[in-house]
Amino acid sequence: MIIRAGYSISFSCTAPTPMLLLLHIRPERQGDLATPDILTVSPYVPVRTYYDRFNNCCTRLLLPPGQTNLSADFSIYDSGVADQLPIGLYQHPVEELPDDVLMFLLGSRYCDTQRLMAIAWDLFGQYAPGWPRLEAILNYTHERISFGYGFARNDRTAFEAYEERVGVCRDYAHLAVTFCRCMNIPARYCTGYLGDIGVPLDPNPMDFSAWFEVYLDGSWHTVDARHNRPRIGRILMARGMDATDAAISTAFGFAQLVAFQVTTLEVGDQRPYQSSFNAASTA
């Protein structure tokens, strides 16, 4: 299938403001593009890109005073195959993990493993390592948190999501990632596009989505605690330890978000999956 995706995001600044963006798709999906993934900045300012330690494509620019609009509109080929759950796969003992995977057992800014360690072992210690334990974590997290854009808060940690029992997709991902790390399942946070392709149209406005990946049986596998079902058409933009590493924008100064729209649709399907403006909801 071909998926059309893009965004229009506007910021207002009172002074020149440096900004870091993670809005391009991941390098491993570049070969699937049917049309280029190009960032358009209006009014024009110079931009430059680099790749961070997770191989995310990062963009640097200096926003001028006033309003600046960032946009992209591209098409990408997709297999149309739903996520393949890692059912029955082997969980490596910590001593067997590759060196570059071990970091994904550690705590991070939003994944406060120390505060959830005893809770995690109490909840999931009785499940067999591997898929049974991961499935229990996915089901528990899916039921523990109630979704709503009005619940969005960009400083909520995994422990606070556990305590408050509300959030958006980033909170589901942070809590499940933290539980996995507590149970010695390497897990990394992901963000990208996920339109309502192959599922009933979600009445909530679309945003960029957050999910995560786990390392089992020698490879990484996509899972999603918010939806808790295999989905079609994920377009990965960034990975990292948590939302700090995969934030779609980071302003080094004051930049007010004044407009935000994301579009993801299957070509030939005329139903647009678009978000209305919601400044706090970013996954």
C-alpha atoms as a PDB file:
ATOM      1  CA  MET A   1       0.000   0.000   0.000  1.00  0.00           C
ATOM      2  CA  ILE A   2       0.941   3.664  -0.238  1.00  0.00           C
ATOM      3  CA  ILE A   3       0.433   5.948   2.756  1.00  0.00           C
ATOM      4  CA  ARG A   4       0.329   9.722   2.490  1.00  0.00           C
ATOM      5  CA  ALA A   5       1.591  11.459   5.613  1.00  0.00           C
ATOM      6  CA  GLY A   6       2.605  14.884   6.778  1.00  0.00           C
ATOM      7  CA  TYR A   7       2.093  17.719   9.229  1.00  0.00           C
ATOM      8  CA  SER A   8       1.682  21.452   9.615  1.00  0.00           C
ATOM      9  CA  ILE A   9       3.054  22.908  12.861  1.00  0.00           C
ATOM     10  CA  SER A  10       3.364  26.578  13.775  1.00  0.00           C
ATOM     11  CA  PHE A  11       5.338  28.262  16.535  1.00  0.00           C
ATOM     12  CA  SER A  12       5.329  31.878  17.647  1.00  0.00           C
ATOM     13  CA  CYS A  13       8.475  33.424  19.125  1.00  0.00           C
ATOM     14  CA  THR A  14       9.220  36.845  20.595  1.00  0.00           C
ATOM     15  CA  ALA A  15      12.969  36.548  19.946  1.00  0.00           C
ATOM     16  CA  PRO A  16      15.258  34.390  17.785  1.00  0.00           C
ATOM     17  CA  THR A  17      14.943  30.886  19.240  1.00  0.00           C
ATOM     18  CA  PRO A  18      17.103  27.841  18.443  1.00  0.00           C
ATOM     19  CA  MET A  19      15.080  24.670  17.900  1.00  0.00           C
ATOM     20  CA  LEU A  20      15.801  20.980  17.467  1.00  0.00           C
ATOM     21  CA  LEU A  21      13.323  18.872  15.464  1.00  0.00           C
ATOM     22  CA  LEU A  22      12.861  15.113  15.027  1.00  0.00           C
ATOM     23  CA  LEU A  23      10.268  15.220  12.260  1.00  0.00           C
ATOM     24  CA  HIS A  24      11.926  13.194   9.489  1.00  0.00           C
ATOM     25  CA  ILE A  25      11.260   9.485   9.151  1.00  0.00           C
ATOM     26  CA  ARG A  26      13.965   7.066  10.289  1.00  0.00           C
ATOM     27  CA  PRO A  27      16.840   6.318   7.867  1.00  0.00           C
ATOM     28  CA  GLU A  28      15.751   2.681   7.454  1.00  0.00           C
ATOM     29  CA  ARG A  29      12.437   3.853   5.929  1.00  0.00           C
ATOM     30  CA  GLN A  30      14.011   6.314   3.485  1.00  0.00           C
ATOM     31  CA  GLY A  31      14.148   3.653   0.780  1.00  0.00           C
ATOM     32  CA  ASP A  32      10.359   3.193   1.030  1.00  0.00           C
ATOM     33  CA  LEU A  33       9.558   6.795   0.115  1.00  0.00           C
ATOM     34  CA  ALA A  34       7.402   7.311  -2.974  1.00  0.00           C
ATOM     35  CA  THR A  35       7.857  11.092  -2.721  1.00  0.00           C
ATOM     36  CA  PRO A  36      10.509  12.984  -0.713  1.00  0.00           C
ATOM     37  CA  ASP A  37      10.163  13.663   3.004  1.00  0.00           C
ATOM     38  CA  ILE A  38      11.053  17.377   2.860  1.00  0.00           C
ATOM     39  CA  LEU A  39      10.716  19.881   5.696  1.00  0.00           C
ATOM     40  CA  THR A  40       9.352  23.236   4.469  1.00  0.00           C
ATOM     41  CA  VAL A  41       9.918  26.255   6.714  1.00  0.00           C
ATOM     42  CA  SER A  42       7.924  29.470   6.167  1.00  0.00           C
ATOM     43  CA  PRO A  43       9.273  32.110   6.322  1.00  0.00           C
ATOM     44  CA  TYR A  44      12.447  30.461   5.061  1.00  0.00           C
ATOM     45  CA  VAL A  45      15.344  29.975   7.451  1.00  0.00           C
ATOM     46  CA  PRO A  46      18.449  27.809   6.919  1.00  0.00           C
ATOM     47  CA  VAL A  47      18.320  24.310   8.391  1.00  0.00           C
ATOM     48  CA  ARG A  48      20.870  21.577   8.842  1.00  0.00           C
ATOM     49  CA  THR A  49      20.562  17.935   9.818  1.00  0.00           C
ATOM     50  CA  TYR A  50      22.654  15.454  11.741  1.00  0.00           C
ATOM     51  CA  TYR A  51      22.174  11.942  13.176  1.00  0.00           C
ATOM     52  CA  ASP A  52      22.131  11.431  16.934  1.00  0.00           C
ATOM     53  CA  ARG A  53      23.352   8.449  18.992  1.00  0.00           C
ATOM     54  CA  PHE A  54      20.141   6.532  18.159  1.00  0.00           C
ATOM     55  CA  ASN A  55      20.543   7.301  14.425  1.00  0.00           C
ATOM     56  CA  ASN A  56      17.524   9.623  14.448  1.00  0.00           C
ATOM     57  CA  CYS A  57      17.577  12.315  11.777  1.00  0.00           C
ATOM     58  CA  CYS A  58      17.658  15.631  13.680  1.00  0.00           C
ATOM     59  CA  THR A  59      17.134  19.122  12.253  1.00  0.00           C
ATOM     60  CA  ARG A  60      18.558  22.332  13.690  1.00  0.00           C
ATOM     61  CA  LEU A  61      17.221  25.794  12.881  1.00  0.00           C
ATOM     62  CA  LEU A  62      16.839  29.253  14.358  1.00  0.00           C
ATOM     63  CA  LEU A  63      13.230  30.422  14.522  1.00  0.00           C
ATOM     64  CA  PRO A  64      12.863  34.173  13.885  1.00  0.00           C
ATOM     65  CA  PRO A  65      10.559  36.442  15.917  1.00  0.00           C
ATOM     66  CA  GLY A  66       6.930  36.066  14.892  1.00  0.00           C
ATOM     67  CA  GLN A  67       5.183  32.963  13.578  1.00  0.00           C
ATOM     68  CA  THR A  68       7.000  30.174  11.746  1.00  0.00           C
ATOM     69  CA  ASN A  69       5.246  27.285  10.006  1.00  0.00           C
ATOM     70  CA  LEU A  70       6.856  23.860   9.593  1.00  0.00           C
ATOM     71  CA  SER A  71       5.271  21.427   7.148  1.00  0.00           C
ATOM     72  CA  ALA A  72       5.794  18.257   5.154  1.00  0.00           C
ATOM     73  CA  ASP A  73       3.687  16.157   2.793  1.00  0.00           C
ATOM     74  CA  PHE A  74       5.053  12.864   1.476  1.00  0.00           C
ATOM     75  CA  SER A  75       4.004   9.383   0.367  1.00  0.00           C
ATOM     76  CA  ILE A  76       5.596   6.121   1.451  1.00  0.00           C
ATOM     77  CA  TYR A  77       5.266   2.483   0.450  1.00  0.00           C
ATOM     78  CA  ASP A  78       4.193   0.149   3.255  1.00  0.00           C
ATOM     79  CA  SER A  79       3.834  -3.628   3.365  1.00  0.00           C
ATOM     80  CA  GLY A  80       0.300  -3.396   4.752  1.00  0.00           C
ATOM     81  CA  VAL A  81       1.223  -6.163   7.193  1.00  0.00           C
ATOM     82  CA  ALA A  82       0.188  -5.713  10.816  1.00  0.00           C
ATOM     83  CA  ASP A  83       2.694  -5.783  13.679  1.00  0.00           C
ATOM     84  CA  GLN A  84       4.019  -9.268  14.384  1.00  0.00           C
ATOM     85  CA  LEU A  85       3.780  -9.940  18.100  1.00  0.00           C
ATOM     86  CA  PRO A  86       6.791 -11.745  19.628  1.00  0.00           C
ATOM     87  CA  ILE A  87       4.712 -14.693  20.827  1.00  0.00           C
ATOM     88  CA  GLY A  88       6.796 -17.548  22.193  1.00  0.00           C
ATOM     89  CA  LEU A  89      10.127 -15.756  21.859  1.00  0.00           C
ATOM     90  CA  TYR A  90      13.038 -16.204  24.238  1.00  0.00           C
ATOM     91  CA  GLN A  91      13.982 -13.610  26.862  1.00  0.00           C
ATOM     92  CA  HIS A  92      17.752 -13.363  27.189  1.00  0.00           C
ATOM     93  CA  PRO A  93      19.291 -13.387  30.657  1.00  0.00           C
ATOM     94  CA  VAL A  94      20.985 -10.053  31.273  1.00  0.00           C
ATOM     95  CA  GLU A  95      24.456 -11.605  30.961  1.00  0.00           C
ATOM     96  CA  GLU A  96      23.640 -12.703  27.374  1.00  0.00           C
ATOM     97  CA  LEU A  97      22.523  -9.289  26.109  1.00  0.00           C
ATOM     98  CA  PRO A  98      24.676  -7.476  23.530  1.00  0.00           C
ATOM     99  CA  ASP A  99      26.534  -4.468  24.896  1.00  0.00           C
ATOM    100  CA  ASP A 100      24.521  -1.989  22.812  1.00  0.00           C
ATOM    101  CA  VAL A 101      21.225  -3.421  24.107  1.00  0.00           C
ATOM    102  CA  LEU A 102      22.099  -3.319  27.802  1.00  0.00           C
ATOM    103  CA  MET A 103      21.416   0.448  28.045  1.00  0.00           C
ATOM    104  CA  PHE A 104      17.731  -0.230  27.391  1.00  0.00           C
ATOM    105  CA  LEU A 105      17.424  -1.842  30.815  1.00  0.00           C
ATOM    106  CA  LEU A 106      18.444   1.379  32.547  1.00  0.00           C
ATOM    107  CA  GLY A 107      16.257   4.071  34.058  1.00  0.00           C
ATOM    108  CA  SER A 108      15.859   7.392  32.276  1.00  0.00           C
ATOM    109  CA  ARG A 109      14.195  10.764  32.745  1.00  0.00           C
ATOM    110  CA  TYR A 110      10.611   9.535  32.237  1.00  0.00           C
ATOM    111  CA  CYS A 111      11.184   5.832  32.897  1.00  0.00           C
ATOM    112  CA  ASP A 112      11.882   5.878  36.629  1.00  0.00           C
ATOM    113  CA  THR A 113      12.669   2.196  37.156  1.00  0.00           C
ATOM    114  CA  GLN A 114      13.773   2.630  40.766  1.00  0.00           C
ATOM    115  CA  ARG A 115      10.296   3.786  41.823  1.00  0.00           C
ATOM    116  CA  LEU A 116       8.513   0.966  39.989  1.00  0.00           C
ATOM    117  CA  MET A 117      10.910  -1.953  40.547  1.00  0.00           C
ATOM    118  CA  ALA A 118       9.170  -3.542  43.543  1.00  0.00           C
ATOM    119  CA  ILE A 119       5.729  -2.921  42.023  1.00  0.00           C
ATOM    120  CA  ALA A 120       6.777  -4.536  38.749  1.00  0.00           C
ATOM    121  CA  TRP A 121       8.123  -7.676  40.383  1.00  0.00           C
ATOM    122  CA  ASP A 122       5.007  -7.955  42.532  1.00  0.00           C
ATOM    123  CA  LEU A 123       2.745  -7.640  39.461  1.00  0.00           C
ATOM    124  CA  PHE A 124       4.684  -9.669  36.885  1.00  0.00           C
ATOM    125  CA  GLY A 125       7.192 -11.843  38.731  1.00  0.00           C
ATOM    126  CA  GLN A 126       4.902 -14.880  38.556  1.00  0.00           C
ATOM    127  CA  TYR A 127       4.783 -14.853  34.739  1.00  0.00           C
ATOM    128  CA  ALA A 128       7.274 -16.849  32.683  1.00  0.00           C
ATOM    129  CA  PRO A 129      10.041 -14.767  31.081  1.00  0.00           C
ATOM    130  CA  GLY A 130       9.540 -13.724  27.474  1.00  0.00           C
ATOM    131  CA  TRP A 131       6.164 -13.307  25.818  1.00  0.00           C
ATOM    132  CA  PRO A 132       3.992 -14.343  28.835  1.00  0.00           C
ATOM    133  CA  ARG A 133       5.597 -11.629  30.965  1.00  0.00           C
ATOM    134  CA  LEU A 134       5.482  -9.039  28.157  1.00  0.00           C
ATOM    135  CA  GLU A 135       1.841  -9.826  27.397  1.00  0.00           C
ATOM    136  CA  ALA A 136       0.963  -9.330  31.077  1.00  0.00           C
ATOM    137  CA  ILE A 137       2.736  -5.941  31.050  1.00  0.00           C
ATOM    138  CA  LEU A 138       0.891  -4.844  27.885  1.00  0.00           C
ATOM    139  CA  ASN A 139      -2.503  -5.900  29.221  1.00  0.00           C
ATOM    140  CA  TYR A 140      -1.953  -4.330  32.625  1.00  0.00           C
ATOM    141  CA  THR A 141      -0.728  -1.008  31.217  1.00  0.00           C
ATOM    142  CA  HIS A 142      -3.556  -0.882  28.694  1.00  0.00           C
ATOM    143  CA  GLU A 143      -6.102  -1.281  31.498  1.00  0.00           C
ATOM    144  CA  ARG A 144      -4.299   0.853  34.076  1.00  0.00           C
ATOM    145  CA  ILE A 145      -4.347   4.132  32.113  1.00  0.00           C
ATOM    146  CA  SER A 146      -7.415   5.948  30.776  1.00  0.00           C
ATOM    147  CA  PHE A 147      -6.668   7.782  27.520  1.00  0.00           C
ATOM    148  CA  GLY A 148      -7.621  11.400  26.878  1.00  0.00           C
ATOM    149  CA  TYR A 149      -5.918  14.415  25.285  1.00  0.00           C
ATOM    150  CA  GLY A 150      -7.141  16.479  28.222  1.00  0.00           C
ATOM    151  CA  PHE A 151      -4.915  14.320  30.453  1.00  0.00           C
ATOM    152  CA  ALA A 152      -1.731  15.278  28.556  1.00  0.00           C
ATOM    153  CA  ARG A 153       1.177  16.586  30.604  1.00  0.00           C
ATOM    154  CA  ASN A 154       4.678  16.756  29.200  1.00  0.00           C
ATOM    155  CA  ASP A 155       6.476  16.156  32.498  1.00  0.00           C
ATOM    156  CA  ARG A 156       4.615  13.031  33.684  1.00  0.00           C
ATOM    157  CA  THR A 157       6.912  10.126  34.551  1.00  0.00           C
ATOM    158  CA  ALA A 158       6.053   6.446  34.334  1.00  0.00           C
ATOM    159  CA  PHE A 159       5.523   6.251  38.092  1.00  0.00           C
ATOM    160  CA  GLU A 160       3.194   9.257  37.971  1.00  0.00           C
ATOM    161  CA  ALA A 161       1.246   7.647  35.109  1.00  0.00           C
ATOM    162  CA  TYR A 162       0.927   4.531  37.276  1.00  0.00           C
ATOM    163  CA  GLU A 163      -0.317   6.631  40.200  1.00  0.00           C
ATOM    164  CA  GLU A 164      -2.608   8.989  38.261  1.00  0.00           C
ATOM    165  CA  ARG A 165      -3.999   6.303  35.895  1.00  0.00           C
ATOM    166  CA  VAL A 166      -4.565   8.807  33.058  1.00  0.00           C
ATOM    167  CA  GLY A 167      -2.518   9.952  30.085  1.00  0.00           C
ATOM    168  CA  VAL A 168      -1.845   9.932  26.358  1.00  0.00           C
ATOM    169  CA  CYS A 169       0.099   7.453  24.245  1.00  0.00           C
ATOM    170  CA  ARG A 170       3.496   8.570  25.561  1.00  0.00           C
ATOM    171  CA  ASP A 171       2.344   7.696  29.092  1.00  0.00           C
ATOM    172  CA  TYR A 172       1.305   4.181  28.067  1.00  0.00           C
ATOM    173  CA  ALA A 173       4.692   3.743  26.386  1.00  0.00           C
ATOM    174  CA  HIS A 174       6.665   5.119  29.325  1.00  0.00           C
ATOM    175  CA  LEU A 175       4.878   2.925  31.863  1.00  0.00           C
ATOM    176  CA  ALA A 176       5.178  -0.250  29.794  1.00  0.00           C
ATOM    177  CA  VAL A 177       8.826   0.465  28.908  1.00  0.00           C
ATOM    178  CA  THR A 178       9.616   0.979  32.586  1.00  0.00           C
ATOM    179  CA  PHE A 179       7.870  -2.234  33.624  1.00  0.00           C
ATOM    180  CA  CYS A 180       9.785  -4.119  30.919  1.00  0.00           C
ATOM    181  CA  ARG A 181      13.128  -2.716  32.062  1.00  0.00           C
ATOM    182  CA  CYS A 182      12.300  -3.594  35.661  1.00  0.00           C
ATOM    183  CA  MET A 183      11.653  -7.171  34.501  1.00  0.00           C
ATOM    184  CA  ASN A 184      14.934  -7.290  32.500  1.00  0.00           C
ATOM    185  CA  ILE A 185      13.261  -7.001  29.081  1.00  0.00           C
ATOM    186  CA  PRO A 186      15.178  -4.372  27.071  1.00  0.00           C
ATOM    187  CA  ALA A 187      12.731  -1.736  25.807  1.00  0.00           C
ATOM    188  CA  ARG A 188      13.108   1.461  23.782  1.00  0.00           C
ATOM    189  CA  TYR A 189      10.635   4.295  23.207  1.00  0.00           C
ATOM    190  CA  CYS A 190       9.395   5.084  19.678  1.00  0.00           C
ATOM    191  CA  THR A 191       7.431   7.884  18.051  1.00  0.00           C
ATOM    192  CA  GLY A 192       5.970   8.268  14.579  1.00  0.00           C
ATOM    193  CA  TYR A 193       2.840   8.239  12.451  1.00  0.00           C
ATOM    194  CA  LEU A 194       0.007   5.778  13.065  1.00  0.00           C
ATOM    195  CA  GLY A 195      -3.184   6.467  11.133  1.00  0.00           C
ATOM    196  CA  ASP A 196      -6.460   4.578  11.523  1.00  0.00           C
ATOM    197  CA  ILE A 197      -5.654   2.174   8.697  1.00  0.00           C
ATOM    198  CA  GLY A 198      -7.365  -1.196   8.890  1.00  0.00           C
ATOM    199  CA  VAL A 199      -9.278  -0.232  12.050  1.00  0.00           C
ATOM    200  CA  PRO A 200     -12.438   1.803  12.741  1.00  0.00           C
ATOM    201  CA  LEU A 201     -11.885   5.554  12.615  1.00  0.00           C
ATOM    202  CA  ASP A 202     -10.836   6.840  16.046  1.00  0.00           C
ATOM    203  CA  PRO A 203     -13.028   9.794  17.072  1.00  0.00           C
ATOM    204  CA  ASN A 204     -10.066  11.369  18.858  1.00  0.00           C
ATOM    205  CA  PRO A 205      -8.039  13.797  16.724  1.00  0.00           C
ATOM    206  CA  MET A 206      -4.846  12.346  15.347  1.00  0.00           C
ATOM    207  CA  ASP A 207      -1.453  13.166  16.804  1.00  0.00           C
ATOM    208  CA  PHE A 208       1.954  11.672  16.319  1.00  0.00           C
ATOM    209  CA  SER A 209       1.856   8.361  18.167  1.00  0.00           C
ATOM    210  CA  ALA A 210       4.128   6.690  20.718  1.00  0.00           C
ATOM    211  CA  TRP A 211       4.785   2.968  21.033  1.00  0.00           C
ATOM    212  CA  PHE A 212       7.844   0.908  21.964  1.00  0.00           C
ATOM    213  CA  GLU A 213      10.096  -1.963  20.946  1.00  0.00           C
ATOM    214  CA  VAL A 214      11.366  -4.880  22.991  1.00  0.00           C
ATOM    215  CA  TYR A 215      14.429  -7.055  22.520  1.00  0.00           C
ATOM    216  CA  LEU A 216      13.588 -10.765  22.558  1.00  0.00           C
ATOM    217  CA  ASP A 217      15.278 -13.753  20.916  1.00  0.00           C
ATOM    218  CA  GLY A 218      18.022 -11.687  19.325  1.00  0.00           C
ATOM    219  CA  SER A 219      15.976  -8.933  17.651  1.00  0.00           C
ATOM    220  CA  TRP A 220      13.690  -5.951  18.267  1.00  0.00           C
ATOM    221  CA  HIS A 221       9.889  -6.209  18.061  1.00  0.00           C
ATOM    222  CA  THR A 222       7.169  -3.544  17.925  1.00  0.00           C
ATOM    223  CA  VAL A 223       4.486  -3.500  20.643  1.00  0.00           C
ATOM    224  CA  ASP A 224       1.903  -0.909  21.680  1.00  0.00           C
ATOM    225  CA  ALA A 225       0.391  -0.678  25.154  1.00  0.00           C
ATOM    226  CA  ARG A 226      -2.131   2.020  24.266  1.00  0.00           C
ATOM    227  CA  HIS A 227      -3.868   0.176  21.430  1.00  0.00           C
ATOM    228  CA  ASN A 228      -2.772  -3.286  22.617  1.00  0.00           C
ATOM    229  CA  ARG A 229      -3.397  -4.869  19.232  1.00  0.00           C
ATOM    230  CA  PRO A 230      -1.352  -5.318  16.040  1.00  0.00           C
ATOM    231  CA  ARG A 231      -1.674  -2.294  13.761  1.00  0.00           C
ATOM    232  CA  ILE A 232      -0.959  -1.514  10.117  1.00  0.00           C
ATOM    233  CA  GLY A 233       1.008   1.403   8.737  1.00  0.00           C
ATOM    234  CA  ARG A 234       3.386   2.593  11.438  1.00  0.00           C
ATOM    235  CA  ILE A 235       5.908   5.115  10.108  1.00  0.00           C
ATOM    236  CA  LEU A 236       8.768   5.394  12.577  1.00  0.00           C
ATOM    237  CA  MET A 237      10.344   8.822  13.112  1.00  0.00           C
ATOM    238  CA  ALA A 238      12.526   8.435  16.203  1.00  0.00           C
ATOM    239  CA  ARG A 239      13.689   6.065  18.942  1.00  0.00           C
ATOM    240  CA  GLY A 240      15.383   6.533  22.271  1.00  0.00           C
ATOM    241  CA  MET A 241      15.386   5.854  25.974  1.00  0.00           C
ATOM    242  CA  ASP A 242      12.174   7.844  26.408  1.00  0.00           C
ATOM    243  CA  ALA A 243      10.371  10.926  25.062  1.00  0.00           C
ATOM    244  CA  THR A 244      13.391  13.100  25.829  1.00  0.00           C
ATOM    245  CA  ASP A 245      15.275  11.431  22.983  1.00  0.00           C
ATOM    246  CA  ALA A 246      12.299  11.365  20.598  1.00  0.00           C
ATOM    247  CA  ALA A 247      10.633  14.738  21.150  1.00  0.00           C
ATOM    248  CA  ILE A 248       9.312  16.160  17.876  1.00  0.00           C
ATOM    249  CA  SER A 249      10.526  19.623  18.900  1.00  0.00           C
ATOM    250  CA  THR A 250      12.813  21.060  21.558  1.00  0.00           C
ATOM    251  CA  ALA A 251      13.029  24.846  21.863  1.00  0.00           C
ATOM    252  CA  PHE A 252      16.043  26.478  23.504  1.00  0.00           C
ATOM    253  CA  GLY A 253      14.006  29.462  24.616  1.00  0.00           C
ATOM    254  CA  PHE A 254      10.327  30.392  24.445  1.00  0.00           C
ATOM    255  CA  ALA A 255       8.366  29.084  21.438  1.00  0.00           C
ATOM    256  CA  GLN A 256       4.581  28.968  21.720  1.00  0.00           C
ATOM    257  CA  LEU A 257       2.851  26.194  19.777  1.00  0.00           C
ATOM    258  CA  VAL A 258      -0.027  27.918  17.960  1.00  0.00           C
ATOM    259  CA  ALA A 259      -1.118  25.338  15.352  1.00  0.00           C
ATOM    260  CA  PHE A 260      -0.683  21.592  15.011  1.00  0.00           C
ATOM    261  CA  GLN A 261      -2.044  19.177  12.430  1.00  0.00           C
ATOM    262  CA  VAL A 262      -0.961  15.679  11.469  1.00  0.00           C
ATOM    263  CA  THR A 263      -2.279  13.721   8.477  1.00  0.00           C
ATOM    264  CA  THR A 264      -1.961  10.002   7.753  1.00  0.00           C
ATOM    265  CA  LEU A 265      -4.099   8.224   5.160  1.00  0.00           C
ATOM    266  CA  GLU A 266      -3.947   5.265   2.868  1.00  0.00           C
ATOM    267  CA  VAL A 267      -3.863   6.423  -0.761  1.00  0.00           C
ATOM    268  CA  GLY A 268      -7.233   5.673  -2.331  1.00  0.00           C
ATOM    269  CA  ASP A 269      -9.008   6.001   1.003  1.00  0.00           C
ATOM    270  CA  GLN A 270     -10.512   9.462   1.054  1.00  0.00           C
ATOM    271  CA  ARG A 271     -11.013   9.618   4.824  1.00  0.00           C
ATOM    272  CA  PRO A 272      -8.306  11.981   6.140  1.00  0.00           C
ATOM    273  CA  TYR A 273      -6.879  11.104   9.527  1.00  0.00           C
ATOM    274  CA  GLN A 274      -6.162  14.605  10.803  1.00  0.00           C
ATOM    275  CA  SER A 275      -5.621  16.177  14.162  1.00  0.00           C
ATOM    276  CA  SER A 276      -7.122  19.362  15.399  1.00  0.00           C
ATOM    277  CA  PHE A 277      -4.901  21.712  17.395  1.00  0.00           C
ATOM    278  CA  ASN A 278      -3.980  20.403  20.823  1.00  0.00           C
ATOM    279  CA  ALA A 279      -0.845  22.014  22.144  1.00  0.00           C
ATOM    280  CA  ALA A 280      -0.207  19.550  24.989  1.00  0.00           C
ATOM    281  CA  SER A 281      -1.123  16.234  23.428  1.00  0.00           C
ATOM    282  CA  THR A 282       2.000  15.325  21.499  1.00  0.00           C
ATOM    283  CA  ALA A 283       2.745  11.653  21.859  1.00  0.00           C
END
